[in-house]
Amino acid sequence: MRKRRKTQKTNMTRPRKAGAPKNRRRLEQKRRLIALGVDEETVNRMTSREVLTMLKYPAKIGK
């Protein structure tokens, strides 16, 4: 049975995110929270997932 060109070209594993762009995104997200008015020490103690969930609803941050 013949293998099609499409199946030969596709990656079997999903490419992983590179370290430097990932760290840059996290730093940008933290800067956005600080610009919205969250205390810098609080942001530094937060995990990346907590930062993302806060950025989903920026209107709730001011309250």
N, C-alpha and C. Protein backbone atom coordinates (compact mmCIF):
# COMPACT_ATOMS: atom_id res chain seq x y z
N MET A 1 0.83 -1.18 0.00
CA MET A 1 0.00 0.00 0.00
C MET A 1 0.89 1.25 0.00
N ARG A 2 0.50 2.21 -0.77
CA ARG A 2 1.29 3.43 -0.95
C ARG A 2 1.02 4.45 0.15
N LYS A 3 2.08 5.12 0.63
CA LYS A 3 1.90 6.21 1.60
C LYS A 3 1.68 7.51 0.85
N ARG A 4 0.72 8.25 1.27
CA ARG A 4 0.42 9.54 0.64
C ARG A 4 1.42 10.60 1.10
N ARG A 5 1.59 11.62 0.29
CA ARG A 5 2.54 12.69 0.59
C ARG A 5 2.13 13.44 1.86
N LYS A 6 0.83 13.60 2.06
CA LYS A 6 0.36 14.34 3.24
C LYS A 6 0.78 13.65 4.53
N THR A 7 0.68 12.35 4.58
CA THR A 7 1.04 11.64 5.81
C THR A 7 2.54 11.61 6.02
N GLN A 8 3.32 11.71 4.97
CA GLN A 8 4.77 11.72 5.14
C GLN A 8 5.25 13.06 5.68
N LYS A 9 4.55 14.15 5.37
CA LYS A 9 4.99 15.49 5.77
C LYS A 9 4.59 15.86 7.19
N THR A 10 3.51 15.26 7.70
CA THR A 10 3.00 15.71 9.00
C THR A 10 3.89 15.24 10.13
N ASN A 11 3.97 16.05 11.18
CA ASN A 11 4.72 15.68 12.37
C ASN A 11 3.91 14.70 13.20
N MET A 12 4.58 13.71 13.71
CA MET A 12 3.89 12.76 14.57
C MET A 12 3.73 13.31 15.98
N THR A 13 4.67 14.18 16.38
CA THR A 13 4.57 14.79 17.69
C THR A 13 4.31 16.28 17.53
N ARG A 14 3.61 16.82 18.47
CA ARG A 14 3.30 18.24 18.43
C ARG A 14 4.54 19.02 18.83
N PRO A 15 4.87 20.09 18.10
CA PRO A 15 6.05 20.87 18.47
C PRO A 15 5.87 21.56 19.82
N ARG A 16 6.92 21.59 20.60
CA ARG A 16 6.85 22.20 21.94
C ARG A 16 7.13 23.69 21.86
N LYS A 17 6.63 24.39 22.86
CA LYS A 17 6.87 25.83 22.91
C LYS A 17 8.31 26.08 23.34
N ALA A 18 8.94 27.03 22.70
CA ALA A 18 10.32 27.35 23.04
C ALA A 18 10.36 28.17 24.33
N GLY A 19 11.47 28.10 25.03
CA GLY A 19 11.60 28.74 26.33
C GLY A 19 11.60 30.25 26.30
N ALA A 20 12.38 30.84 25.40
CA ALA A 20 12.51 32.30 25.38
C ALA A 20 11.20 33.01 25.02
N PRO A 21 10.48 32.60 23.97
CA PRO A 21 9.21 33.27 23.68
C PRO A 21 8.17 33.08 24.78
N LYS A 22 8.21 31.92 25.44
CA LYS A 22 7.28 31.64 26.52
C LYS A 22 7.54 32.59 27.70
N ASN A 23 8.81 32.77 28.05
CA ASN A 23 9.15 33.69 29.14
C ASN A 23 8.81 35.12 28.79
N ARG A 24 8.98 35.49 27.52
CA ARG A 24 8.64 36.84 27.09
C ARG A 24 7.14 37.09 27.22
N ARG A 25 6.32 36.11 26.84
CA ARG A 25 4.86 36.23 26.97
C ARG A 25 4.46 36.37 28.43
N ARG A 26 5.06 35.57 29.30
CA ARG A 26 4.73 35.65 30.72
C ARG A 26 5.10 37.01 31.30
N LEU A 27 6.24 37.55 30.88
CA LEU A 27 6.66 38.86 31.36
C LEU A 27 5.71 39.95 30.88
N GLU A 28 5.28 39.87 29.62
CA GLU A 28 4.31 40.84 29.09
C GLU A 28 3.00 40.78 29.86
N GLN A 29 2.55 39.56 30.17
CA GLN A 29 1.29 39.41 30.90
C GLN A 29 1.39 40.01 32.29
N LYS A 30 2.53 39.81 32.95
CA LYS A 30 2.72 40.39 34.28
C LYS A 30 2.73 41.91 34.20
N ARG A 31 3.36 42.46 33.16
CA ARG A 31 3.39 43.91 32.99
C ARG A 31 2.00 44.47 32.75
N ARG A 32 1.17 43.72 32.02
CA ARG A 32 -0.21 44.15 31.78
C ARG A 32 -0.99 44.21 33.08
N LEU A 33 -0.80 43.22 33.95
CA LEU A 33 -1.50 43.23 35.25
C LEU A 33 -1.06 44.43 36.08
N ILE A 34 0.23 44.71 36.09
CA ILE A 34 0.74 45.84 36.86
C ILE A 34 0.16 47.14 36.31
N ALA A 35 0.03 47.23 34.98
CA ALA A 35 -0.54 48.43 34.36
C ALA A 35 -2.02 48.58 34.70
N LEU A 36 -2.69 47.46 34.95
CA LEU A 36 -4.10 47.51 35.33
C LEU A 36 -4.31 47.91 36.78
N GLY A 37 -3.22 47.93 37.57
CA GLY A 37 -3.34 48.41 38.93
C GLY A 37 -3.11 47.38 40.01
N VAL A 38 -2.68 46.18 39.65
CA VAL A 38 -2.39 45.15 40.66
C VAL A 38 -0.99 45.43 41.22
N ASP A 39 -0.82 45.18 42.52
CA ASP A 39 0.44 45.42 43.18
C ASP A 39 1.53 44.52 42.59
N GLU A 40 2.74 45.07 42.42
CA GLU A 40 3.82 44.32 41.77
C GLU A 40 4.26 43.11 42.60
N GLU A 41 4.30 43.25 43.91
CA GLU A 41 4.68 42.12 44.76
C GLU A 41 3.66 40.98 44.66
N THR A 42 2.39 41.34 44.57
CA THR A 42 1.34 40.34 44.42
C THR A 42 1.48 39.59 43.10
N VAL A 43 1.78 40.33 42.04
CA VAL A 43 1.94 39.71 40.72
C VAL A 43 3.14 38.77 40.71
N ASN A 44 4.22 39.15 41.37
CA ASN A 44 5.42 38.32 41.39
C ASN A 44 5.19 37.01 42.14
N ARG A 45 4.27 37.00 43.10
CA ARG A 45 3.98 35.78 43.85
C ARG A 45 3.00 34.86 43.14
N MET A 46 2.32 35.37 42.11
CA MET A 46 1.30 34.58 41.42
C MET A 46 1.92 33.59 40.44
N THR A 47 1.19 32.48 40.20
CA THR A 47 1.62 31.53 39.17
C THR A 47 1.19 32.06 37.81
N SER A 48 1.73 31.45 36.77
CA SER A 48 1.38 31.91 35.42
C SER A 48 -0.09 31.66 35.11
N ARG A 49 -0.66 30.59 35.65
CA ARG A 49 -2.08 30.29 35.43
C ARG A 49 -2.96 31.33 36.11
N GLU A 50 -2.58 31.77 37.31
CA GLU A 50 -3.35 32.80 38.01
C GLU A 50 -3.31 34.12 37.25
N VAL A 51 -2.14 34.43 36.69
CA VAL A 51 -2.00 35.66 35.90
C VAL A 51 -2.95 35.61 34.71
N LEU A 52 -2.99 34.48 34.02
CA LEU A 52 -3.85 34.34 32.85
C LEU A 52 -5.33 34.47 33.22
N THR A 53 -5.74 33.87 34.33
CA THR A 53 -7.14 33.96 34.71
C THR A 53 -7.53 35.38 35.10
N MET A 54 -6.61 36.12 35.71
CA MET A 54 -6.92 37.52 36.04
C MET A 54 -7.02 38.37 34.78
N LEU A 55 -6.18 38.09 33.77
CA LEU A 55 -6.20 38.86 32.55
C LEU A 55 -7.43 38.58 31.70
N LYS A 56 -8.10 37.45 31.95
CA LYS A 56 -9.32 37.14 31.19
C LYS A 56 -10.42 38.15 31.48
N TYR A 57 -10.47 38.63 32.73
CA TYR A 57 -11.52 39.55 33.15
C TYR A 57 -10.92 40.82 33.72
N PRO A 58 -10.40 41.70 32.88
CA PRO A 58 -9.74 42.91 33.39
C PRO A 58 -10.69 43.88 34.07
N ALA A 59 -11.98 43.81 33.78
CA ALA A 59 -12.93 44.73 34.41
C ALA A 59 -13.09 44.42 35.90
N LYS A 60 -12.88 43.18 36.31
CA LYS A 60 -13.03 42.80 37.70
C LYS A 60 -11.82 43.19 38.55
N ILE A 61 -10.70 43.53 37.93
CA ILE A 61 -9.48 43.84 38.67
C ILE A 61 -9.62 45.15 39.43
N GLY A 62 -10.25 46.13 38.83
CA GLY A 62 -10.39 47.43 39.46
C GLY A 62 -11.27 47.43 40.69
N LYS A 63 -12.15 46.44 40.83
CA LYS A 63 -13.10 46.41 41.94
C LYS A 63 -12.49 45.93 43.23
